[in-house]
Amino acid sequence: MPSHRYGYARASTLDQSTSVQREALKAAKCDRVYEEQASETSRSGRNELNRCK
């Protein structure tokens, strides 16, 4: 069965960018990158993080 590599990029504020994280995940050959910009401090409110589980 083929294995898949998933990545997660997150910026805490709208002023920040996930571009550096995205490039690093691309270099790591992630098949799918989940990304969000949120100020949520608890993991339960991070929808994209929850999706990649």
N, C-alpha and C. Protein backbone atom coordinates (compact mmCIF):
# COMPACT_ATOMS: atom_id res chain seq x y z
N MET A 1 0.85 -1.17 0.00
CA MET A 1 0.00 0.00 0.00
C MET A 1 0.90 1.24 0.00
N PRO A 2 0.65 2.21 -0.87
CA PRO A 2 1.50 3.41 -0.92
C PRO A 2 1.30 4.28 0.32
N SER A 3 2.38 4.85 0.79
CA SER A 3 2.25 5.76 1.94
C SER A 3 2.12 7.19 1.43
N HIS A 4 1.47 7.99 2.20
CA HIS A 4 1.24 9.38 1.85
C HIS A 4 1.85 10.27 2.92
N ARG A 5 2.33 11.39 2.50
CA ARG A 5 2.92 12.36 3.42
C ARG A 5 2.03 13.59 3.42
N TYR A 6 1.58 13.97 4.61
CA TYR A 6 0.70 15.13 4.75
C TYR A 6 1.43 16.21 5.54
N GLY A 7 1.20 17.45 5.16
CA GLY A 7 1.80 18.58 5.85
C GLY A 7 0.75 19.55 6.34
N TYR A 8 1.14 20.36 7.31
CA TYR A 8 0.22 21.34 7.89
C TYR A 8 0.97 22.66 8.06
N ALA A 9 0.46 23.70 7.44
CA ALA A 9 1.04 25.04 7.56
C ALA A 9 0.02 25.95 8.22
N ARG A 10 0.50 26.76 9.16
CA ARG A 10 -0.42 27.62 9.89
C ARG A 10 0.25 28.95 10.21
N ALA A 11 -0.50 30.02 10.02
CA ALA A 11 -0.08 31.35 10.44
C ALA A 11 -1.05 31.82 11.52
N SER A 12 -0.52 32.43 12.55
CA SER A 12 -1.36 32.84 13.68
C SER A 12 -2.23 34.05 13.39
N THR A 13 -1.76 34.91 12.52
CA THR A 13 -2.53 36.12 12.22
C THR A 13 -2.65 36.29 10.71
N LEU A 14 -3.55 37.16 10.31
CA LEU A 14 -3.74 37.43 8.88
C LEU A 14 -2.55 38.18 8.29
N ASP A 15 -1.76 38.83 9.14
CA ASP A 15 -0.58 39.56 8.68
C ASP A 15 0.57 38.63 8.32
N GLN A 16 0.53 37.41 8.80
CA GLN A 16 1.61 36.45 8.57
C GLN A 16 1.30 35.62 7.33
N SER A 17 2.34 35.03 6.77
CA SER A 17 2.19 34.21 5.57
C SER A 17 2.66 32.78 5.85
N THR A 18 2.06 31.85 5.15
CA THR A 18 2.47 30.45 5.27
C THR A 18 3.38 30.04 4.12
N SER A 19 3.81 31.00 3.31
CA SER A 19 4.57 30.67 2.10
C SER A 19 5.87 29.93 2.40
N VAL A 20 6.61 30.32 3.42
CA VAL A 20 7.86 29.63 3.75
C VAL A 20 7.57 28.20 4.21
N GLN A 21 6.53 28.04 5.01
CA GLN A 21 6.15 26.69 5.46
C GLN A 21 5.72 25.83 4.28
N ARG A 22 4.93 26.42 3.37
CA ARG A 22 4.48 25.68 2.19
C ARG A 22 5.65 25.20 1.35
N GLU A 23 6.64 26.05 1.15
CA GLU A 23 7.82 25.67 0.37
C GLU A 23 8.58 24.54 1.05
N ALA A 24 8.70 24.60 2.38
CA ALA A 24 9.39 23.54 3.11
C ALA A 24 8.63 22.22 3.01
N LEU A 25 7.32 22.28 3.07
CA LEU A 25 6.51 21.07 2.95
C LEU A 25 6.57 20.51 1.53
N LYS A 26 6.63 21.39 0.57
CA LYS A 26 6.78 20.96 -0.83
C LYS A 26 8.14 20.27 -1.02
N ALA A 27 9.19 20.85 -0.42
CA ALA A 27 10.53 20.26 -0.51
C ALA A 27 10.58 18.90 0.20
N ALA A 28 9.73 18.73 1.21
CA ALA A 28 9.65 17.46 1.94
C ALA A 28 8.79 16.45 1.20
N LYS A 29 8.32 16.84 0.02
CA LYS A 29 7.52 15.97 -0.85
C LYS A 29 6.19 15.53 -0.23
N CYS A 30 5.53 16.48 0.43
CA CYS A 30 4.20 16.19 0.97
C CYS A 30 3.22 16.04 -0.17
N ASP A 31 2.39 15.01 -0.08
CA ASP A 31 1.36 14.77 -1.09
C ASP A 31 0.21 15.76 -0.96
N ARG A 32 -0.06 16.17 0.25
CA ARG A 32 -1.19 17.06 0.51
C ARG A 32 -0.77 18.00 1.63
N VAL A 33 -1.02 19.29 1.45
CA VAL A 33 -0.72 20.29 2.47
C VAL A 33 -2.03 20.93 2.93
N TYR A 34 -2.25 20.88 4.22
CA TYR A 34 -3.40 21.54 4.83
C TYR A 34 -2.88 22.87 5.36
N GLU A 35 -3.65 23.91 5.15
CA GLU A 35 -3.16 25.25 5.47
C GLU A 35 -4.29 26.11 6.02
N GLU A 36 -3.94 26.93 7.03
CA GLU A 36 -4.93 27.86 7.53
C GLU A 36 -4.26 29.05 8.20
N GLN A 37 -5.00 30.11 8.25
CA GLN A 37 -4.59 31.30 8.97
C GLN A 37 -5.66 31.55 10.01
N ALA A 38 -5.27 31.43 11.27
CA ALA A 38 -6.24 31.56 12.33
C ALA A 38 -5.56 32.02 13.61
N SER A 39 -6.33 32.63 14.47
CA SER A 39 -5.80 33.04 15.75
C SER A 39 -6.25 32.09 16.86
N GLU A 40 -6.90 31.03 16.48
CA GLU A 40 -7.39 30.04 17.44
C GLU A 40 -6.21 29.41 18.19
N THR A 41 -6.25 29.44 19.51
CA THR A 41 -5.14 28.89 20.28
C THR A 41 -5.35 27.41 20.62
N SER A 42 -6.57 26.96 20.66
CA SER A 42 -6.80 25.55 20.97
C SER A 42 -6.83 24.73 19.68
N ARG A 43 -6.37 23.51 19.76
CA ARG A 43 -6.34 22.65 18.57
C ARG A 43 -7.73 22.29 18.08
N SER A 44 -8.71 22.32 18.97
CA SER A 44 -10.07 21.94 18.57
C SER A 44 -10.66 22.91 17.55
N GLY A 45 -10.17 24.14 17.51
CA GLY A 45 -10.69 25.12 16.57
C GLY A 45 -9.91 25.20 15.27
N ARG A 46 -8.94 24.35 15.10
CA ARG A 46 -8.12 24.35 13.89
C ARG A 46 -8.65 23.30 12.92
N ASN A 47 -9.54 23.72 12.05
CA ASN A 47 -10.25 22.80 11.16
C ASN A 47 -9.31 22.02 10.25
N GLU A 48 -8.34 22.69 9.65
CA GLU A 48 -7.44 22.01 8.73
C GLU A 48 -6.54 21.01 9.46
N LEU A 49 -6.12 21.34 10.66
CA LEU A 49 -5.33 20.39 11.45
C LEU A 49 -6.17 19.15 11.75
N ASN A 50 -7.42 19.36 12.10
CA ASN A 50 -8.30 18.23 12.39
C ASN A 50 -8.53 17.37 11.14
N ARG A 51 -8.55 17.99 9.97
CA ARG A 51 -8.76 17.23 8.72
C ARG A 51 -7.58 16.31 8.39
N CYS A 52 -6.39 16.71 8.77
CA CYS A 52 -5.24 15.91 8.36
C CYS A 52 -4.95 14.77 9.32
N LYS A 53 -5.74 14.60 10.33
CA LYS A 53 -5.56 13.46 11.26
C LYS A 53 -6.02 12.18 10.64
